[in-house]
Amino acid sequence: MDTQYYKKKLEDELKLLTKELKTVGRINPDNPNDWEATGNPETNQDDDHSDLNDNADDQEEFRERNAILTDLEIRFNNVKNALKKIDEDNYGICKECGEDIEKERLEANPAAETCIKHKK
């Protein structure tokens, strides 16, 4: 298997995911391995002149950003794990059965952890 080919694909995807994550969040200053959504829904809560509708809109936007961030962060971590497996020379091995993951599966999802048979 040409792991360098998949490494390049994964590194490119990691760059894209990082760019997308930055549009909805930032790295948590207290935990550099974690991302947090930006746009705190509490920003205008203490303002006596704040509009309740604006506050509701802010909270809804924050929830949406947080949901998007969560999905992106899961993918980001999967890609990082796949890159780590390449470095450890155990990339492309199904975590369920220990068999090689099909090339077609890795082409579609280079961060796949299981073969087609064990796909969730």
PDB file of N, CA and C in Angstrom:
ATOM      1  N   MET A   1       0.849  -1.183   0.000  1.00  0.00           N
ATOM      2  CA  MET A   1       0.000   0.000   0.000  1.00  0.00           C
ATOM      3  C   MET A   1       0.892   1.244   0.000  1.00  0.00           C
ATOM      4  N   ASP A   2       0.498   2.205  -0.784  1.00  0.00           N
ATOM      5  CA  ASP A   2       1.245   3.464  -0.878  1.00  0.00           C
ATOM      6  C   ASP A   2       0.760   4.421   0.214  1.00  0.00           C
ATOM      7  N   THR A   3       1.328   4.279   1.395  1.00  0.00           N
ATOM      8  CA  THR A   3       0.881   5.104   2.519  1.00  0.00           C
ATOM      9  C   THR A   3       1.212   6.584   2.316  1.00  0.00           C
ATOM     10  N   GLN A   4       2.227   6.880   1.545  1.00  0.00           N
ATOM     11  CA  GLN A   4       2.558   8.288   1.298  1.00  0.00           C
ATOM     12  C   GLN A   4       1.460   8.981   0.502  1.00  0.00           C
ATOM     13  N   TYR A   5       0.828   8.240  -0.387  1.00  0.00           N
ATOM     14  CA  TYR A   5      -0.311   8.774  -1.141  1.00  0.00           C
ATOM     15  C   TYR A   5      -1.441   9.152  -0.185  1.00  0.00           C
ATOM     16  N   TYR A   6      -1.766   8.234   0.729  1.00  0.00           N
ATOM     17  CA  TYR A   6      -2.839   8.501   1.690  1.00  0.00           C
ATOM     18  C   TYR A   6      -2.429   9.575   2.695  1.00  0.00           C
ATOM     19  N   LYS A   7      -1.168   9.606   3.046  1.00  0.00           N
ATOM     20  CA  LYS A   7      -0.684  10.645   3.968  1.00  0.00           C
ATOM     21  C   LYS A   7      -0.907  12.020   3.357  1.00  0.00           C
ATOM     22  N   LYS A   8      -0.608  12.170   2.091  1.00  0.00           N
ATOM     23  CA  LYS A   8      -0.809  13.449   1.408  1.00  0.00           C
ATOM     24  C   LYS A   8      -2.291  13.816   1.387  1.00  0.00           C
ATOM     25  N   LYS A   9      -3.150  12.843   1.060  1.00  0.00           N
ATOM     26  CA  LYS A   9      -4.587  13.103   1.051  1.00  0.00           C
ATOM     27  C   LYS A   9      -5.075  13.525   2.438  1.00  0.00           C
ATOM     28  N   LEU A  10      -4.599  12.845   3.464  1.00  0.00           N
ATOM     29  CA  LEU A  10      -5.012  13.149   4.832  1.00  0.00           C
ATOM     30  C   LEU A  10      -4.491  14.516   5.277  1.00  0.00           C
ATOM     31  N   GLU A  11      -3.256  14.837   4.930  1.00  0.00           N
ATOM     32  CA  GLU A  11      -2.705  16.150   5.298  1.00  0.00           C
ATOM     33  C   GLU A  11      -3.484  17.271   4.606  1.00  0.00           C
ATOM     34  N   ASP A  12      -3.857  17.067   3.346  1.00  0.00           N
ATOM     35  CA  ASP A  12      -4.655  18.066   2.636  1.00  0.00           C
ATOM     36  C   ASP A  12      -6.025  18.221   3.297  1.00  0.00           C
ATOM     37  N   GLU A  13      -6.617  17.108   3.687  1.00  0.00           N
ATOM     38  CA  GLU A  13      -7.921  17.165   4.349  1.00  0.00           C
ATOM     39  C   GLU A  13      -7.805  17.850   5.707  1.00  0.00           C
ATOM     40  N   LEU A  14      -6.722  17.590   6.420  1.00  0.00           N
ATOM     41  CA  LEU A  14      -6.516  18.220   7.726  1.00  0.00           C
ATOM     42  C   LEU A  14      -6.423  19.739   7.581  1.00  0.00           C
ATOM     43  N   LYS A  15      -5.746  20.207   6.559  1.00  0.00           N
ATOM     44  CA  LYS A  15      -5.656  21.648   6.301  1.00  0.00           C
ATOM     45  C   LYS A  15      -7.036  22.237   6.016  1.00  0.00           C
ATOM     46  N   LEU A  16      -7.803  21.539   5.200  1.00  0.00           N
ATOM     47  CA  LEU A  16      -9.147  22.012   4.870  1.00  0.00           C
ATOM     48  C   LEU A  16     -10.037  22.026   6.114  1.00  0.00           C
ATOM     49  N   LEU A  17      -9.974  20.965   6.912  1.00  0.00           N
ATOM     50  CA  LEU A  17     -10.776  20.902   8.135  1.00  0.00           C
ATOM     51  C   LEU A  17     -10.382  22.004   9.115  1.00  0.00           C
ATOM     52  N   THR A  18      -9.093  22.268   9.233  1.00  0.00           N
ATOM     53  CA  THR A  18      -8.620  23.335  10.120  1.00  0.00           C
ATOM     54  C   THR A  18      -9.184  24.676   9.668  1.00  0.00           C
ATOM     55  N   LYS A  19      -9.156  24.914   8.370  1.00  0.00           N
ATOM     56  CA  LYS A  19      -9.700  26.160   7.825  1.00  0.00           C
ATOM     57  C   LYS A  19     -11.197  26.267   8.123  1.00  0.00           C
ATOM     58  N   GLU A  20     -11.931  25.175   7.933  1.00  0.00           N
ATOM     59  CA  GLU A  20     -13.367  25.176   8.207  1.00  0.00           C
ATOM     60  C   GLU A  20     -13.654  25.346   9.692  1.00  0.00           C
ATOM     61  N   LEU A  21     -12.874  24.682  10.537  1.00  0.00           N
ATOM     62  CA  LEU A  21     -13.055  24.820  11.983  1.00  0.00           C
ATOM     63  C   LEU A  21     -12.868  26.270  12.429  1.00  0.00           C
ATOM     64  N   LYS A  22     -11.914  26.952  11.832  1.00  0.00           N
ATOM     65  CA  LYS A  22     -11.650  28.344  12.208  1.00  0.00           C
ATOM     66  C   LYS A  22     -12.801  29.276  11.836  1.00  0.00           C
ATOM     67  N   THR A  23     -13.674  28.858  10.935  1.00  0.00           N
ATOM     68  CA  THR A  23     -14.809  29.703  10.567  1.00  0.00           C
ATOM     69  C   THR A  23     -15.924  29.638  11.601  1.00  0.00           C
ATOM     70  N   VAL A  24     -15.934  28.590  12.430  1.00  0.00           N
ATOM     71  CA  VAL A  24     -17.000  28.446  13.429  1.00  0.00           C
ATOM     72  C   VAL A  24     -16.480  28.364  14.859  1.00  0.00           C
ATOM     73  N   GLY A  25     -15.159  28.324  15.015  1.00  0.00           N
ATOM     74  CA  GLY A  25     -14.636  28.180  16.365  1.00  0.00           C
ATOM     75  C   GLY A  25     -13.180  28.574  16.469  1.00  0.00           C
ATOM     76  N   ARG A  26     -12.627  28.198  17.604  1.00  0.00           N
ATOM     77  CA  ARG A  26     -11.218  28.470  17.880  1.00  0.00           C
ATOM     78  C   ARG A  26     -10.692  27.351  18.763  1.00  0.00           C
ATOM     79  N   ILE A  27      -9.380  27.245  18.827  1.00  0.00           N
ATOM     80  CA  ILE A  27      -8.781  26.261  19.727  1.00  0.00           C
ATOM     81  C   ILE A  27      -9.005  26.729  21.152  1.00  0.00           C
ATOM     82  N   ASN A  28      -9.450  25.826  21.975  1.00  0.00           N
ATOM     83  CA  ASN A  28      -9.718  26.119  23.382  1.00  0.00           C
ATOM     84  C   ASN A  28      -8.397  26.488  24.062  1.00  0.00           C
ATOM     85  N   PRO A  29      -8.291  27.704  24.618  1.00  0.00           N
ATOM     86  CA  PRO A  29      -7.028  28.112  25.245  1.00  0.00           C
ATOM     87  C   PRO A  29      -6.665  27.253  26.467  1.00  0.00           C
ATOM     88  N   ASP A  30      -7.654  26.622  27.079  1.00  0.00           N
ATOM     89  CA  ASP A  30      -7.388  25.769  28.239  1.00  0.00           C
ATOM     90  C   ASP A  30      -7.048  24.342  27.853  1.00  0.00           C
ATOM     91  N   ASN A  31      -7.338  23.953  26.604  1.00  0.00           N
ATOM     92  CA  ASN A  31      -7.059  22.601  26.136  1.00  0.00           C
ATOM     93  C   ASN A  31      -6.759  22.661  24.645  1.00  0.00           C
ATOM     94  N   PRO A  32      -5.498  22.709  24.264  1.00  0.00           N
ATOM     95  CA  PRO A  32      -5.146  22.878  22.857  1.00  0.00           C
ATOM     96  C   PRO A  32      -5.558  21.708  21.961  1.00  0.00           C
ATOM     97  N   ASN A  33      -6.046  20.613  22.538  1.00  0.00           N
ATOM     98  CA  ASN A  33      -6.533  19.486  21.746  1.00  0.00           C
ATOM     99  C   ASN A  33      -8.041  19.561  21.517  1.00  0.00           C
ATOM    100  N   ASP A  34      -8.635  20.686  21.897  1.00  0.00           N
ATOM    101  CA  ASP A  34     -10.085  20.834  21.823  1.00  0.00           C
ATOM    102  C   ASP A  34     -10.429  22.133  21.098  1.00  0.00           C
ATOM    103  N   TRP A  35     -11.531  22.117  20.392  1.00  0.00           N
ATOM    104  CA  TRP A  35     -12.049  23.314  19.743  1.00  0.00           C
ATOM    105  C   TRP A  35     -13.309  23.743  20.458  1.00  0.00           C
ATOM    106  N   GLU A  36     -13.602  25.037  20.415  1.00  0.00           N
ATOM    107  CA  GLU A  36     -14.833  25.552  21.000  1.00  0.00           C
ATOM    108  C   GLU A  36     -15.467  26.520  20.018  1.00  0.00           C
ATOM    109  N   ALA A  37     -16.785  26.524  20.008  1.00  0.00           N
ATOM    110  CA  ALA A  37     -17.514  27.419  19.111  1.00  0.00           C
ATOM    111  C   ALA A  37     -17.303  28.863  19.537  1.00  0.00           C
ATOM    112  N   THR A  38     -17.244  29.742  18.557  1.00  0.00           N
ATOM    113  CA  THR A  38     -17.154  31.167  18.842  1.00  0.00           C
ATOM    114  C   THR A  38     -18.549  31.765  18.789  1.00  0.00           C
ATOM    115  N   GLY A  39     -18.675  32.956  19.318  1.00  0.00           N
ATOM    116  CA  GLY A  39     -19.965  33.617  19.344  1.00  0.00           C
ATOM    117  C   GLY A  39     -20.752  33.236  20.581  1.00  0.00           C
ATOM    118  N   ASN A  40     -20.228  33.600  21.724  1.00  0.00           N
ATOM    119  CA  ASN A  40     -20.859  33.262  23.001  1.00  0.00           C
ATOM    120  C   ASN A  40     -22.274  33.813  23.074  1.00  0.00           C
ATOM    121  N   PRO A  41     -23.275  32.958  23.340  1.00  0.00           N
ATOM    122  CA  PRO A  41     -24.655  33.450  23.387  1.00  0.00           C
ATOM    123  C   PRO A  41     -24.926  34.378  24.561  1.00  0.00           C
ATOM    124  N   GLU A  42     -24.015  34.511  25.482  1.00  0.00           N
ATOM    125  CA  GLU A  42     -24.218  35.347  26.665  1.00  0.00           C
ATOM    126  C   GLU A  42     -23.671  36.762  26.487  1.00  0.00           C
ATOM    127  N   THR A  43     -23.151  37.085  25.313  1.00  0.00           N
ATOM    128  CA  THR A  43     -22.463  38.361  25.126  1.00  0.00           C
ATOM    129  C   THR A  43     -23.322  39.574  25.421  1.00  0.00           C
ATOM    130  N   ASN A  44     -24.593  39.542  25.056  1.00  0.00           N
ATOM    131  CA  ASN A  44     -25.437  40.713  25.265  1.00  0.00           C
ATOM    132  C   ASN A  44     -26.451  40.528  26.393  1.00  0.00           C
ATOM    133  N   GLN A  45     -26.347  39.460  27.108  1.00  0.00           N
ATOM    134  CA  GLN A  45     -27.335  39.137  28.126  1.00  0.00           C
ATOM    135  C   GLN A  45     -27.385  40.165  29.256  1.00  0.00           C
ATOM    136  N   ASP A  46     -26.254  40.774  29.600  1.00  0.00           N
ATOM    137  CA  ASP A  46     -26.212  41.694  30.727  1.00  0.00           C
ATOM    138  C   ASP A  46     -26.525  43.131  30.334  1.00  0.00           C
ATOM    139  N   ASP A  47     -26.691  43.381  29.064  1.00  0.00           N
ATOM    140  CA  ASP A  47     -26.973  44.719  28.568  1.00  0.00           C
ATOM    141  C   ASP A  47     -28.457  45.023  28.775  1.00  0.00           C
ATOM    142  N   ASP A  48     -28.757  46.088  29.551  1.00  0.00           N
ATOM    143  CA  ASP A  48     -30.145  46.445  29.827  1.00  0.00           C
ATOM    144  C   ASP A  48     -30.910  46.783  28.551  1.00  0.00           C
ATOM    145  N   HIS A  49     -30.191  47.173  27.510  1.00  0.00           N
ATOM    146  CA  HIS A  49     -30.839  47.580  26.269  1.00  0.00           C
ATOM    147  C   HIS A  49     -30.894  46.453  25.247  1.00  0.00           C
ATOM    148  N   SER A  50     -30.458  45.286  25.644  1.00  0.00           N
ATOM    149  CA  SER A  50     -30.448  44.187  24.683  1.00  0.00           C
ATOM    150  C   SER A  50     -31.868  43.743  24.367  1.00  0.00           C
ATOM    151  N   ASP A  51     -32.036  43.320  23.176  1.00  0.00           N
ATOM    152  CA  ASP A  51     -33.334  42.869  22.685  1.00  0.00           C
ATOM    153  C   ASP A  51     -33.438  41.359  22.889  1.00  0.00           C
ATOM    154  N   LEU A  52     -34.557  40.910  23.424  1.00  0.00           N
ATOM    155  CA  LEU A  52     -34.741  39.483  23.672  1.00  0.00           C
ATOM    156  C   LEU A  52     -34.663  38.669  22.390  1.00  0.00           C
ATOM    157  N   ASN A  53     -35.175  39.229  21.298  1.00  0.00           N
ATOM    158  CA  ASN A  53     -35.098  38.525  20.018  1.00  0.00           C
ATOM    159  C   ASN A  53     -33.658  38.391  19.547  1.00  0.00           C
ATOM    160  N   ASP A  54     -32.870  39.444  19.741  1.00  0.00           N
ATOM    161  CA  ASP A  54     -31.455  39.380  19.381  1.00  0.00           C
ATOM    162  C   ASP A  54     -30.744  38.317  20.204  1.00  0.00           C
ATOM    163  N   ASN A  55     -31.055  38.275  21.494  1.00  0.00           N
ATOM    164  CA  ASN A  55     -30.442  37.264  22.359  1.00  0.00           C
ATOM    165  C   ASN A  55     -30.824  35.858  21.915  1.00  0.00           C
ATOM    166  N   ALA A  56     -32.074  35.654  21.570  1.00  0.00           N
ATOM    167  CA  ALA A  56     -32.523  34.343  21.093  1.00  0.00           C
ATOM    168  C   ALA A  56     -31.818  33.984  19.793  1.00  0.00           C
ATOM    169  N   ASP A  57     -31.672  34.956  18.903  1.00  0.00           N
ATOM    170  CA  ASP A  57     -30.966  34.719  17.639  1.00  0.00           C
ATOM    171  C   ASP A  57     -29.504  34.361  17.896  1.00  0.00           C
ATOM    172  N   ASP A  58     -28.870  35.079  18.821  1.00  0.00           N
ATOM    173  CA  ASP A  58     -27.477  34.796  19.161  1.00  0.00           C
ATOM    174  C   ASP A  58     -27.324  33.381  19.710  1.00  0.00           C
ATOM    175  N   GLN A  59     -28.234  32.982  20.568  1.00  0.00           N
ATOM    176  CA  GLN A  59     -28.164  31.646  21.149  1.00  0.00           C
ATOM    177  C   GLN A  59     -28.381  30.572  20.089  1.00  0.00           C
ATOM    178  N   GLU A  60     -29.318  30.794  19.193  1.00  0.00           N
ATOM    179  CA  GLU A  60     -29.567  29.835  18.121  1.00  0.00           C
ATOM    180  C   GLU A  60     -28.361  29.716  17.206  1.00  0.00           C
ATOM    181  N   GLU A  61     -27.759  30.851  16.863  1.00  0.00           N
ATOM    182  CA  GLU A  61     -26.564  30.836  16.015  1.00  0.00           C
ATOM    183  C   GLU A  61     -25.426  30.090  16.702  1.00  0.00           C
ATOM    184  N   PHE A  62     -25.261  30.301  17.998  1.00  0.00           N
ATOM    185  CA  PHE A  62     -24.212  29.611  18.747  1.00  0.00           C
ATOM    186  C   PHE A  62     -24.449  28.098  18.723  1.00  0.00           C
ATOM    187  N   ARG A  63     -25.690  27.678  18.922  1.00  0.00           N
ATOM    188  CA  ARG A  63     -25.999  26.238  18.895  1.00  0.00           C
ATOM    189  C   ARG A  63     -25.694  25.636  17.533  1.00  0.00           C
ATOM    190  N   GLU A  64     -26.023  26.360  16.477  1.00  0.00           N
ATOM    191  CA  GLU A  64     -25.743  25.885  15.122  1.00  0.00           C
ATOM    192  C   GLU A  64     -24.245  25.784  14.882  1.00  0.00           C
ATOM    193  N   ARG A  65     -23.508  26.805  15.297  1.00  0.00           N
ATOM    194  CA  ARG A  65     -22.054  26.797  15.133  1.00  0.00           C
ATOM    195  C   ARG A  65     -21.442  25.657  15.932  1.00  0.00           C
ATOM    196  N   ASN A  66     -21.968  25.421  17.118  1.00  0.00           N
ATOM    197  CA  ASN A  66     -21.448  24.358  17.974  1.00  0.00           C
ATOM    198  C   ASN A  66     -21.703  22.984  17.339  1.00  0.00           C
ATOM    199  N   ALA A  67     -22.868  22.793  16.740  1.00  0.00           N
ATOM    200  CA  ALA A  67     -23.176  21.527  16.083  1.00  0.00           C
ATOM    201  C   ALA A  67     -22.250  21.291  14.882  1.00  0.00           C
ATOM    202  N   ILE A  68     -22.044  22.329  14.092  1.00  0.00           N
ATOM    203  CA  ILE A  68     -21.139  22.228  12.948  1.00  0.00           C
ATOM    204  C   ILE A  68     -19.730  21.933  13.435  1.00  0.00           C
ATOM    205  N   LEU A  69     -19.303  22.652  14.457  1.00  0.00           N
ATOM    206  CA  LEU A  69     -17.962  22.463  15.012  1.00  0.00           C
ATOM    207  C   LEU A  69     -17.782  21.034  15.514  1.00  0.00           C
ATOM    208  N   THR A  70     -18.773  20.488  16.174  1.00  0.00           N
ATOM    209  CA  THR A  70     -18.677  19.131  16.706  1.00  0.00           C
ATOM    210  C   THR A  70     -18.450  18.126  15.578  1.00  0.00           C
ATOM    211  N   ASP A  71     -19.212  18.240  14.495  1.00  0.00           N
ATOM    212  CA  ASP A  71     -19.034  17.332  13.361  1.00  0.00           C
ATOM    213  C   ASP A  71     -17.651  17.481  12.729  1.00  0.00           C
ATOM    214  N   LEU A  72     -17.219  18.719  12.545  1.00  0.00           N
ATOM    215  CA  LEU A  72     -15.892  18.960  11.962  1.00  0.00           C
ATOM    216  C   LEU A  72     -14.784  18.444  12.872  1.00  0.00           C
ATOM    217  N   GLU A  73     -14.950  18.639  14.173  1.00  0.00           N
ATOM    218  CA  GLU A  73     -13.923  18.208  15.118  1.00  0.00           C
ATOM    219  C   GLU A  73     -13.787  16.682  15.144  1.00  0.00           C
ATOM    220  N   ILE A  74     -14.891  15.982  15.020  1.00  0.00           N
ATOM    221  CA  ILE A  74     -14.833  14.514  14.952  1.00  0.00           C
ATOM    222  C   ILE A  74     -14.033  14.088  13.726  1.00  0.00           C
ATOM    223  N   ARG A  75     -14.331  14.691  12.596  1.00  0.00           N
ATOM    224  CA  ARG A  75     -13.604  14.362  11.364  1.00  0.00           C
ATOM    225  C   ARG A  75     -12.125  14.745  11.505  1.00  0.00           C
ATOM    226  N   PHE A  76     -11.855  15.909  12.064  1.00  0.00           N
ATOM    227  CA  PHE A  76     -10.486  16.391  12.295  1.00  0.00           C
ATOM    228  C   PHE A  76      -9.701  15.367  13.117  1.00  0.00           C
ATOM    229  N   ASN A  77     -10.289  14.892  14.200  1.00  0.00           N
ATOM    230  CA  ASN A  77      -9.620  13.919  15.065  1.00  0.00           C
ATOM    231  C   ASN A  77      -9.428  12.574  14.368  1.00  0.00           C
ATOM    232  N   ASN A  78     -10.384  12.167  13.543  1.00  0.00           N
ATOM    233  CA  ASN A  78     -10.234  10.922  12.790  1.00  0.00           C
ATOM    234  C   ASN A  78      -9.069  11.008  11.809  1.00  0.00           C
ATOM    235  N   VAL A  79      -8.938  12.155  11.166  1.00  0.00           N
ATOM    236  CA  VAL A  79      -7.836  12.353  10.217  1.00  0.00           C
ATOM    237  C   VAL A  79      -6.500  12.353  10.966  1.00  0.00           C
ATOM    238  N   LYS A  80      -6.447  13.037  12.099  1.00  0.00           N
ATOM    239  CA  LYS A  80      -5.212  13.041  12.896  1.00  0.00           C
ATOM    240  C   LYS A  80      -4.844  11.628  13.339  1.00  0.00           C
ATOM    241  N   ASN A  81      -5.837  10.840  13.735  1.00  0.00           N
ATOM    242  CA  ASN A  81      -5.572   9.454  14.142  1.00  0.00           C
ATOM    243  C   ASN A  81      -5.054   8.619  12.972  1.00  0.00           C
ATOM    244  N   ALA A  82      -5.610   8.835  11.784  1.00  0.00           N
ATOM    245  CA  ALA A  82      -5.144   8.104  10.608  1.00  0.00           C
ATOM    246  C   ALA A  82      -3.694   8.469  10.285  1.00  0.00           C
ATOM    247  N   LEU A  83      -3.351   9.745  10.409  1.00  0.00           N
ATOM    248  CA  LEU A  83      -1.964  10.159  10.184  1.00  0.00           C
ATOM    249  C   LEU A  83      -1.025   9.526  11.209  1.00  0.00           C
ATOM    250  N   LYS A  84      -1.484   9.420  12.436  1.00  0.00           N
ATOM    251  CA  LYS A  84      -0.689   8.775  13.478  1.00  0.00           C
ATOM    252  C   LYS A  84      -0.471   7.296  13.147  1.00  0.00           C
ATOM    253  N   LYS A  85      -1.497   6.652  12.621  1.00  0.00           N
ATOM    254  CA  LYS A  85      -1.367   5.235  12.241  1.00  0.00           C
ATOM    255  C   LYS A  85      -0.351   5.065  11.116  1.00  0.00           C
ATOM    256  N   ILE A  86      -0.319   6.013  10.194  1.00  0.00           N
ATOM    257  CA  ILE A  86       0.684   5.949   9.125  1.00  0.00           C
ATOM    258  C   ILE A  86       2.076   6.013   9.739  1.00  0.00           C
ATOM    259  N   ASP A  87       2.270   6.939  10.671  1.00  0.00           N
ATOM    260  CA  ASP A  87       3.575   7.073  11.329  1.00  0.00           C
ATOM    261  C   ASP A  87       3.957   5.822  12.120  1.00  0.00           C
ATOM    262  N   GLU A  88       2.952   5.113  12.633  1.00  0.00           N
ATOM    263  CA  GLU A  88       3.195   3.909  13.431  1.00  0.00           C
ATOM    264  C   GLU A  88       3.178   2.630  12.588  1.00  0.00           C
ATOM    265  N   ASP A  89       3.076   2.777  11.274  1.00  0.00           N
ATOM    266  CA  ASP A  89       3.053   1.649  10.337  1.00  0.00           C
ATOM    267  C   ASP A  89       1.903   0.671  10.569  1.00  0.00           C
ATOM    268  N   ASN A  90       0.757   1.160  11.001  1.00  0.00           N
ATOM    269  CA  ASN A  90      -0.410   0.281  11.108  1.00  0.00           C
ATOM    270  C   ASN A  90      -1.644   0.908  10.469  1.00  0.00           C
ATOM    271  N   TYR A  91      -1.420   1.683   9.425  1.00  0.00           N
ATOM    272  CA  TYR A  91      -2.509   2.332   8.692  1.00  0.00           C
ATOM    273  C   TYR A  91      -3.185   1.315   7.780  1.00  0.00           C
ATOM    274  N   GLY A  92      -4.499   1.463   7.652  1.00  0.00           N
ATOM    275  CA  GLY A  92      -5.244   0.628   6.719  1.00  0.00           C
ATOM    276  C   GLY A  92      -5.627  -0.730   7.261  1.00  0.00           C
ATOM    277  N   ILE A  93      -5.556  -0.887   8.575  1.00  0.00           N
ATOM    278  CA  ILE A  93      -5.913  -2.140   9.226  1.00  0.00           C
ATOM    279  C   ILE A  93      -7.241  -1.935   9.966  1.00  0.00           C
ATOM    280  N   CYS A  94      -8.200  -2.820   9.716  1.00  0.00           N
ATOM    281  CA  CYS A  94      -9.509  -2.720  10.364  1.00  0.00           C
ATOM    282  C   CYS A  94      -9.364  -2.930  11.865  1.00  0.00           C
ATOM    283  N   LYS A  95      -9.920  -2.000  12.633  1.00  0.00           N
ATOM    284  CA  LYS A  95      -9.805  -2.106  14.089  1.00  0.00           C
ATOM    285  C   LYS A  95     -10.680  -3.215  14.658  1.00  0.00           C
ATOM    286  N   GLU A  96     -11.609  -3.741  13.869  1.00  0.00           N
ATOM    287  CA  GLU A  96     -12.496  -4.804  14.340  1.00  0.00           C
ATOM    288  C   GLU A  96     -11.933  -6.198  14.074  1.00  0.00           C
ATOM    289  N   CYS A  97     -11.438  -6.410  12.861  1.00  0.00           N
ATOM    290  CA  CYS A  97     -11.014  -7.768  12.494  1.00  0.00           C
ATOM    291  C   CYS A  97      -9.529  -7.907  12.207  1.00  0.00           C
ATOM    292  N   GLY A  98      -8.817  -6.787  12.097  1.00  0.00           N
ATOM    293  CA  GLY A  98      -7.378  -6.848  11.845  1.00  0.00           C
ATOM    294  C   GLY A  98      -7.001  -7.094  10.393  1.00  0.00           C
ATOM    295  N   GLU A  99      -7.995  -7.161   9.517  1.00  0.00           N
ATOM    296  CA  GLU A  99      -7.735  -7.341   8.086  1.00  0.00           C
ATOM    297  C   GLU A  99      -7.465  -5.987   7.439  1.00  0.00           C
ATOM    298  N   ASP A 100      -6.900  -6.035   6.230  1.00  0.00           N
ATOM    299  CA  ASP A 100      -6.668  -4.794   5.487  1.00  0.00           C
ATOM    300  C   ASP A 100      -7.998  -4.147   5.113  1.00  0.00           C
ATOM    301  N   ILE A 101      -8.038  -2.830   5.224  1.00  0.00           N
ATOM    302  CA  ILE A 101      -9.201  -2.068   4.765  1.00  0.00           C
ATOM    303  C   ILE A 101      -9.106  -1.978   3.247  1.00  0.00           C
ATOM    304  N   GLU A 102     -10.226  -2.196   2.580  1.00  0.00           N
ATOM    305  CA  GLU A 102     -10.264  -2.196   1.127  1.00  0.00           C
ATOM    306  C   GLU A 102      -9.796  -0.861   0.553  1.00  0.00           C
ATOM    307  N   LYS A 103      -9.076  -0.941  -0.560  1.00  0.00           N
ATOM    308  CA  LYS A 103      -8.554   0.252  -1.219  1.00  0.00           C
ATOM    309  C   LYS A 103      -9.690   1.207  -1.582  1.00  0.00           C
ATOM    310  N   GLU A 104     -10.819   0.664  -2.044  1.00  0.00           N
ATOM    311  CA  GLU A 104     -11.959   1.498  -2.426  1.00  0.00           C
ATOM    312  C   GLU A 104     -12.465   2.292  -1.227  1.00  0.00           C
ATOM    313  N   ARG A 105     -12.461   1.655  -0.066  1.00  0.00           N
ATOM    314  CA  ARG A 105     -12.921   2.323   1.156  1.00  0.00           C
ATOM    315  C   ARG A 105     -11.965   3.446   1.540  1.00  0.00           C
ATOM    316  N   LEU A 106     -10.673   3.170   1.452  1.00  0.00           N
ATOM    317  CA  LEU A 106      -9.679   4.199   1.793  1.00  0.00           C
ATOM    318  C   LEU A 106      -9.689   5.341   0.782  1.00  0.00           C
ATOM    319  N   GLU A 107     -10.004   5.043  -0.461  1.00  0.00           N
ATOM    320  CA  GLU A 107     -10.116   6.107  -1.461  1.00  0.00           C
ATOM    321  C   GLU A 107     -11.276   7.029  -1.107  1.00  0.00           C
ATOM    322  N   ALA A 108     -12.391   6.434  -0.703  1.00  0.00           N
ATOM    323  CA  ALA A 108     -13.573   7.223  -0.354  1.00  0.00           C
ATOM    324  C   ALA A 108     -13.406   7.941   0.974  1.00  0.00           C
ATOM    325  N   ASN A 109     -12.704   7.295   1.900  1.00  0.00           N
ATOM    326  CA  ASN A 109     -12.514   7.855   3.241  1.00  0.00           C
ATOM    327  C   ASN A 109     -11.144   7.424   3.763  1.00  0.00           C
ATOM    328  N   PRO A 110     -10.114   8.214   3.496  1.00  0.00           N
ATOM    329  CA  PRO A 110      -8.761   7.831   3.924  1.00  0.00           C
ATOM    330  C   PRO A 110      -8.605   7.682   5.435  1.00  0.00           C
ATOM    331  N   ALA A 111      -9.543   8.219   6.201  1.00  0.00           N
ATOM    332  CA  ALA A 111      -9.475   8.112   7.661  1.00  0.00           C
ATOM    333  C   ALA A 111     -10.292   6.930   8.190  1.00  0.00           C
ATOM    334  N   ALA A 112     -10.769   6.064   7.291  1.00  0.00           N
ATOM    335  CA  ALA A 112     -11.582   4.918   7.711  1.00  0.00           C
ATOM    336  C   ALA A 112     -10.811   4.046   8.696  1.00  0.00           C
ATOM    337  N   GLU A 113     -11.523   3.593   9.725  1.00  0.00           N
ATOM    338  CA  GLU A 113     -10.907   2.742  10.745  1.00  0.00           C
ATOM    339  C   GLU A 113     -11.316   1.286  10.612  1.00  0.00           C
ATOM    340  N   THR A 114     -12.318   1.029   9.769  1.00  0.00           N
ATOM    341  CA  THR A 114     -12.810  -0.336   9.622  1.00  0.00           C
ATOM    342  C   THR A 114     -12.956  -0.690   8.148  1.00  0.00           C
ATOM    343  N   CYS A 115     -12.980  -1.984   7.883  1.00  0.00           N
ATOM    344  CA  CYS A 115     -13.242  -2.466   6.539  1.00  0.00           C
ATOM    345  C   CYS A 115     -14.734  -2.291   6.237  1.00  0.00           C
ATOM    346  N   ILE A 116     -15.105  -2.546   5.006  1.00  0.00           N
ATOM    347  CA  ILE A 116     -16.507  -2.374   4.612  1.00  0.00           C
ATOM    348  C   ILE A 116     -17.415  -3.269   5.451  1.00  0.00           C
ATOM    349  N   LYS A 117     -16.974  -4.486   5.726  1.00  0.00           N
ATOM    350  CA  LYS A 117     -17.794  -5.430   6.497  1.00  0.00           C
ATOM    351  C   LYS A 117     -18.127  -4.883   7.883  1.00  0.00           C
ATOM    352  N   HIS A 118     -17.196  -4.146   8.491  1.00  0.00           N
ATOM    353  CA  HIS A 118     -17.389  -3.658   9.852  1.00  0.00           C
ATOM    354  C   HIS A 118     -17.753  -2.173   9.918  1.00  0.00           C
ATOM    355  N   LYS A 119     -18.073  -1.604   8.760  1.00  0.00           N
ATOM    356  CA  LYS A 119     -18.506  -0.200   8.731  1.00  0.00           C
ATOM    357  C   LYS A 119     -19.790  -0.069   9.549  1.00  0.00           C
ATOM    358  N   LYS A 120     -19.846   0.940  10.377  1.00  0.00           N
ATOM    359  CA  LYS A 120     -21.014   1.124  11.250  1.00  0.00           C
ATOM    360  C   LYS A 120     -22.231   1.532  10.468  1.00  0.00           C
TER     361      LYS A 120
END
